[in-house]
């Protein structure tokens, strides 16, 4: 059986690490105002992601409920 780590292309793995490192450097090297702006954008995206997850879950669970007659 092949593990999940062996199934990932090494180029994609290294590229993802590079992109994450660049993101950290951008926020860390930016001024305090730009770092706060990046943080606000990240917080907004996270909130939308969580809220959307709840909506999708509710919609999926409603498919399995019995319909009222």
PDB file of N, CA and C in Angstrom:
ATOM      1  N   UNK A   1       0.846  -1.179   0.000  1.00  0.00           N
ATOM      2  CA  UNK A   1       0.000   0.000   0.000  1.00  0.00           C
ATOM      3  C   UNK A   1       0.893   1.245   0.000  1.00  0.00           C
ATOM      4  N   UNK A   2       0.532   2.193  -0.832  1.00  0.00           N
ATOM      5  CA  UNK A   2       1.320   3.407  -0.969  1.00  0.00           C
ATOM      6  C   UNK A   2       0.834   4.461   0.029  1.00  0.00           C
ATOM      7  N   UNK A   3       1.776   5.117   0.696  1.00  0.00           N
ATOM      8  CA  UNK A   3       1.381   6.141   1.658  1.00  0.00           C
ATOM      9  C   UNK A   3       1.010   7.433   0.938  1.00  0.00           C
ATOM     10  N   UNK A   4       0.328   8.298   1.636  1.00  0.00           N
ATOM     11  CA  UNK A   4      -0.107   9.567   1.041  1.00  0.00           C
ATOM     12  C   UNK A   4       1.084  10.463   0.725  1.00  0.00           C
ATOM     13  N   UNK A   5       2.120  10.410   1.553  1.00  0.00           N
ATOM     14  CA  UNK A   5       3.283  11.259   1.315  1.00  0.00           C
ATOM     15  C   UNK A   5       4.028  10.842   0.050  1.00  0.00           C
ATOM     16  N   UNK A   6       4.038   9.571  -0.250  1.00  0.00           N
ATOM     17  CA  UNK A   6       4.723   9.105  -1.445  1.00  0.00           C
ATOM     18  C   UNK A   6       3.923   9.415  -2.700  1.00  0.00           C
ATOM     19  N   UNK A   7       2.628   9.640  -2.564  1.00  0.00           N
ATOM     20  CA  UNK A   7       1.786   9.913  -3.718  1.00  0.00           C
ATOM     21  C   UNK A   7       1.896  11.359  -4.184  1.00  0.00           C
ATOM     22  N   UNK A   8       2.414  12.247  -3.360  1.00  0.00           N
ATOM     23  CA  UNK A   8       2.541  13.654  -3.729  1.00  0.00           C
ATOM     24  C   UNK A   8       3.822  13.847  -4.525  1.00  0.00           C
ATOM     25  N   UNK A   9       3.687  14.588  -5.619  1.00  0.00           N
ATOM     26  CA  UNK A   9       4.836  14.899  -6.458  1.00  0.00           C
ATOM     27  C   UNK A   9       5.811  15.778  -5.664  1.00  0.00           C
ATOM     28  N   UNK A  10       7.094  15.448  -5.655  1.00  0.00           N
ATOM     29  CA  UNK A  10       8.055  16.243  -4.877  1.00  0.00           C
ATOM     30  C   UNK A  10       8.093  17.711  -5.307  1.00  0.00           C
ATOM     31  N   UNK A  11       7.904  17.985  -6.597  1.00  0.00           N
ATOM     32  CA  UNK A  11       7.901  19.373  -7.064  1.00  0.00           C
ATOM     33  C   UNK A  11       6.746  20.150  -6.444  1.00  0.00           C
ATOM     34  N   UNK A  12       5.570  19.556  -6.422  1.00  0.00           N
ATOM     35  CA  UNK A  12       4.399  20.227  -5.845  1.00  0.00           C
ATOM     36  C   UNK A  12       4.610  20.434  -4.344  1.00  0.00           C
ATOM     37  N   UNK A  13       5.184  19.452  -3.681  1.00  0.00           N
ATOM     38  CA  UNK A  13       5.450  19.564  -2.249  1.00  0.00           C
ATOM     39  C   UNK A  13       6.400  20.720  -1.954  1.00  0.00           C
ATOM     40  N   UNK A  14       7.492  20.806  -2.708  1.00  0.00           N
ATOM     41  CA  UNK A  14       8.463  21.875  -2.489  1.00  0.00           C
ATOM     42  C   UNK A  14       7.896  23.239  -2.892  1.00  0.00           C
ATOM     43  N   UNK A  15       7.091  23.265  -3.938  1.00  0.00           N
ATOM     44  CA  UNK A  15       6.471  24.515  -4.363  1.00  0.00           C
ATOM     45  C   UNK A  15       5.507  25.044  -3.301  1.00  0.00           C
ATOM     46  N   UNK A  16       4.753  24.137  -2.679  1.00  0.00           N
ATOM     47  CA  UNK A  16       3.822  24.574  -1.631  1.00  0.00           C
ATOM     48  C   UNK A  16       4.582  25.123  -0.424  1.00  0.00           C
ATOM     49  N   UNK A  17       5.693  24.516  -0.066  1.00  0.00           N
ATOM     50  CA  UNK A  17       6.508  25.028   1.035  1.00  0.00           C
ATOM     51  C   UNK A  17       7.070  26.396   0.680  1.00  0.00           C
ATOM     52  N   UNK A  18       7.499  26.561  -0.561  1.00  0.00           N
ATOM     53  CA  UNK A  18       8.031  27.851  -1.006  1.00  0.00           C
ATOM     54  C   UNK A  18       6.960  28.938  -0.950  1.00  0.00           C
ATOM     55  N   UNK A  19       5.756  28.629  -1.409  1.00  0.00           N
ATOM     56  CA  UNK A  19       4.667  29.611  -1.399  1.00  0.00           C
ATOM     57  C   UNK A  19       4.316  30.002   0.033  1.00  0.00           C
ATOM     58  N   UNK A  20       4.269  29.035   0.942  1.00  0.00           N
ATOM     59  CA  UNK A  20       3.996  29.347   2.345  1.00  0.00           C
ATOM     60  C   UNK A  20       5.102  30.213   2.946  1.00  0.00           C
ATOM     61  N   UNK A  21       6.347  29.923   2.599  1.00  0.00           N
ATOM     62  CA  UNK A  21       7.469  30.709   3.118  1.00  0.00           C
ATOM     63  C   UNK A  21       7.409  32.149   2.600  1.00  0.00           C
ATOM     64  N   UNK A  22       7.049  32.310   1.325  1.00  0.00           N
ATOM     65  CA  UNK A  22       6.923  33.652   0.763  1.00  0.00           C
ATOM     66  C   UNK A  22       5.799  34.405   1.477  1.00  0.00           C
ATOM     67  N   UNK A  23       4.655  33.729   1.757  1.00  0.00           N
ATOM     68  CA  UNK A  23       3.556  34.377   2.468  1.00  0.00           C
ATOM     69  C   UNK A  23       3.958  34.842   3.835  1.00  0.00           C
ATOM     70  N   UNK A  24       4.762  34.033   4.542  1.00  0.00           N
ATOM     71  CA  UNK A  24       5.220  34.413   5.885  1.00  0.00           C
ATOM     72  C   UNK A  24       6.167  35.603   5.793  1.00  0.00           C
ATOM     73  N   UNK A  25       7.042  35.596   4.811  1.00  0.00           N
ATOM     74  CA  UNK A  25       7.992  36.699   4.647  1.00  0.00           C
ATOM     75  C   UNK A  25       7.283  38.000   4.289  1.00  0.00           C
ATOM     76  N   UNK A  26       6.246  37.918   3.471  1.00  0.00           N
ATOM     77  CA  UNK A  26       5.501  39.123   3.110  1.00  0.00           C
ATOM     78  C   UNK A  26       4.855  39.769   4.323  1.00  0.00           C
ATOM     79  N   UNK A  27       4.227  38.957   5.148  1.00  0.00           N
ATOM     80  CA  UNK A  27       3.559  39.501   6.330  1.00  0.00           C
ATOM     81  C   UNK A  27       4.583  39.964   7.353  1.00  0.00           C
ATOM     82  N   UNK A  28       5.641  39.198   7.564  1.00  0.00           N
ATOM     83  CA  UNK A  28       6.640  39.560   8.567  1.00  0.00           C
ATOM     84  C   UNK A  28       7.490  40.748   8.164  1.00  0.00           C
ATOM     85  N   UNK A  29       7.778  40.859   6.880  1.00  0.00           N
ATOM     86  CA  UNK A  29       8.633  41.947   6.416  1.00  0.00           C
ATOM     87  C   UNK A  29       7.870  43.218   6.113  1.00  0.00           C
ATOM     88  N   UNK A  30       6.563  43.130   6.037  1.00  0.00           N
ATOM     89  CA  UNK A  30       5.757  44.313   5.733  1.00  0.00           C
ATOM     90  C   UNK A  30       5.673  45.207   6.959  1.00  0.00           C
ATOM     91  N   UNK A  31       5.258  46.409   6.735  1.00  0.00           N
ATOM     92  CA  UNK A  31       5.064  47.342   7.845  1.00  0.00           C
ATOM     93  C   UNK A  31       3.872  46.919   8.682  1.00  0.00           C
ATOM     94  N   UNK A  32       3.709  47.541   9.849  1.00  0.00           N
ATOM     95  CA  UNK A  32       2.621  47.141  10.748  1.00  0.00           C
ATOM     96  C   UNK A  32       1.232  47.343  10.138  1.00  0.00           C
ATOM     97  N   UNK A  33       1.070  48.372   9.306  1.00  0.00           N
ATOM     98  CA  UNK A  33      -0.246  48.613   8.701  1.00  0.00           C
ATOM     99  C   UNK A  33      -0.551  47.529   7.669  1.00  0.00           C
ATOM    100  N   UNK A  34       0.429  47.195   6.855  1.00  0.00           N
ATOM    101  CA  UNK A  34       0.217  46.164   5.834  1.00  0.00           C
ATOM    102  C   UNK A  34       0.030  44.794   6.469  1.00  0.00           C
ATOM    103  N   UNK A  35       0.747  44.524   7.557  1.00  0.00           N
ATOM    104  CA  UNK A  35       0.581  43.246   8.258  1.00  0.00           C
ATOM    105  C   UNK A  35      -0.822  43.136   8.842  1.00  0.00           C
ATOM    106  N   UNK A  36      -1.341  44.229   9.373  1.00  0.00           N
ATOM    107  CA  UNK A  36      -2.719  44.214   9.895  1.00  0.00           C
ATOM    108  C   UNK A  36      -3.722  44.017   8.768  1.00  0.00           C
ATOM    109  N   UNK A  37      -3.450  44.612   7.616  1.00  0.00           N
ATOM    110  CA  UNK A  37      -4.354  44.449   6.470  1.00  0.00           C
ATOM    111  C   UNK A  37      -4.374  42.986   6.016  1.00  0.00           C
ATOM    112  N   UNK A  38      -3.192  42.373   5.921  1.00  0.00           N
ATOM    113  CA  UNK A  38      -3.127  40.951   5.562  1.00  0.00           C
ATOM    114  C   UNK A  38      -3.844  40.095   6.595  1.00  0.00           C
ATOM    115  N   UNK A  39      -3.675  40.421   7.860  1.00  0.00           N
ATOM    116  CA  UNK A  39      -4.352  39.680   8.920  1.00  0.00           C
ATOM    117  C   UNK A  39      -5.858  39.823   8.841  1.00  0.00           C
ATOM    118  N   UNK A  40      -6.324  41.026   8.541  1.00  0.00           N
ATOM    119  CA  UNK A  40      -7.767  41.248   8.400  1.00  0.00           C
ATOM    120  C   UNK A  40      -8.332  40.459   7.231  1.00  0.00           C
ATOM    121  N   UNK A  41      -7.622  40.456   6.113  1.00  0.00           N
ATOM    122  CA  UNK A  41      -8.072  39.690   4.942  1.00  0.00           C
ATOM    123  C   UNK A  41      -8.101  38.197   5.267  1.00  0.00           C
ATOM    124  N   UNK A  42      -7.080  37.708   5.942  1.00  0.00           N
ATOM    125  CA  UNK A  42      -7.042  36.290   6.319  1.00  0.00           C
ATOM    126  C   UNK A  42      -8.174  35.944   7.271  1.00  0.00           C
ATOM    127  N   UNK A  43      -8.446  36.827   8.224  1.00  0.00           N
ATOM    128  CA  UNK A  43      -9.536  36.602   9.168  1.00  0.00           C
ATOM    129  C   UNK A  43     -10.887  36.603   8.459  1.00  0.00           C
ATOM    130  N   UNK A  44     -11.058  37.491   7.500  1.00  0.00           N
ATOM    131  CA  UNK A  44     -12.299  37.551   6.737  1.00  0.00           C
ATOM    132  C   UNK A  44     -12.502  36.266   5.928  1.00  0.00           C
ATOM    133  N   UNK A  45     -11.450  35.826   5.247  1.00  0.00           N
ATOM    134  CA  UNK A  45     -11.551  34.580   4.468  1.00  0.00           C
ATOM    135  C   UNK A  45     -11.860  33.388   5.368  1.00  0.00           C
ATOM    136  N   UNK A  46     -11.247  33.343   6.548  1.00  0.00           N
ATOM    137  CA  UNK A  46     -11.500  32.238   7.472  1.00  0.00           C
ATOM    138  C   UNK A  46     -12.943  32.255   7.957  1.00  0.00           C
ATOM    139  N   UNK A  47     -13.472  33.441   8.250  1.00  0.00           N
ATOM    140  CA  UNK A  47     -14.858  33.537   8.709  1.00  0.00           C
ATOM    141  C   UNK A  47     -15.832  33.105   7.613  1.00  0.00           C
ATOM    142  N   UNK A  48     -15.576  33.531   6.388  1.00  0.00           N
ATOM    143  CA  UNK A  48     -16.433  33.127   5.265  1.00  0.00           C
ATOM    144  C   UNK A  48     -16.355  31.618   5.057  1.00  0.00           C
ATOM    145  N   UNK A  49     -15.167  31.054   5.200  1.00  0.00           N
ATOM    146  CA  UNK A  49     -14.993  29.612   5.035  1.00  0.00           C
ATOM    147  C   UNK A  49     -15.769  28.841   6.100  1.00  0.00           C
ATOM    148  N   UNK A  50     -15.697  29.273   7.335  1.00  0.00           N
ATOM    149  CA  UNK A  50     -16.403  28.589   8.420  1.00  0.00           C
ATOM    150  C   UNK A  50     -17.910  28.710   8.237  1.00  0.00           C
ATOM    151  N   UNK A  51     -18.386  29.927   7.964  1.00  0.00           N
ATOM    152  CA  UNK A  51     -19.816  30.149   7.780  1.00  0.00           C
ATOM    153  C   UNK A  51     -20.346  29.347   6.592  1.00  0.00           C
ATOM    154  N   UNK A  52     -19.592  29.325   5.498  1.00  0.00           N
ATOM    155  CA  UNK A  52     -19.992  28.548   4.328  1.00  0.00           C
ATOM    156  C   UNK A  52     -20.020  27.054   4.620  1.00  0.00           C
ATOM    157  N   UNK A  53     -19.102  26.588   5.443  1.00  0.00           N
ATOM    158  CA  UNK A  53     -19.098  25.178   5.828  1.00  0.00           C
ATOM    159  C   UNK A  53     -20.346  24.795   6.595  1.00  0.00           C
ATOM    160  N   UNK A  54     -20.774  25.688   7.496  1.00  0.00           N
ATOM    161  CA  UNK A  54     -22.013  25.420   8.227  1.00  0.00           C
ATOM    162  C   UNK A  54     -23.216  25.387   7.282  1.00  0.00           C
ATOM    163  N   UNK A  55     -23.248  26.299   6.314  1.00  0.00           N
ATOM    164  CA  UNK A  55     -24.367  26.325   5.365  1.00  0.00           C
ATOM    165  C   UNK A  55     -24.419  25.050   4.522  1.00  0.00           C
ATOM    166  N   UNK A  56     -23.263  24.623   4.053  1.00  0.00           N
ATOM    167  CA  UNK A  56     -23.217  23.412   3.240  1.00  0.00           C
ATOM    168  C   UNK A  56     -23.615  22.199   4.068  1.00  0.00           C
ATOM    169  N   UNK A  57     -23.166  22.139   5.323  1.00  0.00           N
ATOM    170  CA  UNK A  57     -23.519  21.023   6.190  1.00  0.00           C
ATOM    171  C   UNK A  57     -25.021  20.982   6.439  1.00  0.00           C
ATOM    172  N   UNK A  58     -25.616  22.140   6.717  1.00  0.00           N
ATOM    173  CA  UNK A  58     -27.059  22.189   6.929  1.00  0.00           C
ATOM    174  C   UNK A  58     -27.813  21.726   5.685  1.00  0.00           C
ATOM    175  N   UNK A  59     -27.349  22.151   4.539  1.00  0.00           N
ATOM    176  CA  UNK A  59     -28.014  21.763   3.293  1.00  0.00           C
ATOM    177  C   UNK A  59     -27.906  20.253   3.058  1.00  0.00           C
ATOM    178  N   UNK A  60     -26.742  19.693   3.335  1.00  0.00           N
ATOM    179  CA  UNK A  60     -26.565  18.250   3.148  1.00  0.00           C
ATOM    180  C   UNK A  60     -27.412  17.458   4.134  1.00  0.00           C
ATOM    181  N   UNK A  61     -27.468  17.920   5.388  1.00  0.00           N
ATOM    182  CA  UNK A  61     -28.263  17.207   6.383  1.00  0.00           C
ATOM    183  C   UNK A  61     -29.756  17.315   6.092  1.00  0.00           C
ATOM    184  N   UNK A  62     -30.182  18.413   5.489  1.00  0.00           N
ATOM    185  CA  UNK A  62     -31.609  18.557   5.173  1.00  0.00           C
ATOM    186  C   UNK A  62     -32.056  17.571   4.087  1.00  0.00           C
ATOM    187  N   UNK A  63     -31.118  17.050   3.321  1.00  0.00           N
ATOM    188  CA  UNK A  63     -31.473  16.076   2.287  1.00  0.00           C
ATOM    189  C   UNK A  63     -31.916  14.745   2.910  1.00  0.00           C
ATOM    190  N   UNK A  64     -31.475  14.468   4.125  1.00  0.00           N
ATOM    191  CA  UNK A  64     -31.771  13.189   4.768  1.00  0.00           C
ATOM    192  C   UNK A  64     -32.937  13.267   5.746  1.00  0.00           C
ATOM    193  N   UNK A  65     -33.504  14.445   5.927  1.00  0.00           N
ATOM    194  CA  UNK A  65     -34.644  14.565   6.830  1.00  0.00           C
ATOM    195  C   UNK A  65     -35.913  14.097   6.130  1.00  0.00           C
ATOM    196  N   UNK A  66     -36.825  13.581   6.937  1.00  0.00           N
ATOM    197  CA  UNK A  66     -38.114  13.174   6.375  1.00  0.00           C
ATOM    198  C   UNK A  66     -38.930  14.409   6.069  1.00  0.00           C
ATOM    199  N   UNK A  67     -39.632  14.364   4.957  1.00  0.00           N
ATOM    200  CA  UNK A  67     -40.438  15.505   4.550  1.00  0.00           C
ATOM    201  C   UNK A  67     -41.770  15.496   5.292  1.00  0.00           C
ATOM    202  N   UNK A  68     -42.216  16.702   5.685  1.00  0.00           N
ATOM    203  CA  UNK A  68     -43.483  16.817   6.383  1.00  0.00           C
ATOM    204  C   UNK A  68     -44.617  16.711   5.361  1.00  0.00           C
ATOM    205  N   UNK A  69     -45.677  16.030   5.778  1.00  0.00           N
ATOM    206  CA  UNK A  69     -46.823  15.867   4.861  1.00  0.00           C
ATOM    207  C   UNK A  69     -47.983  16.675   5.317  1.00  0.00           C
TER     208      UNK A  69
END
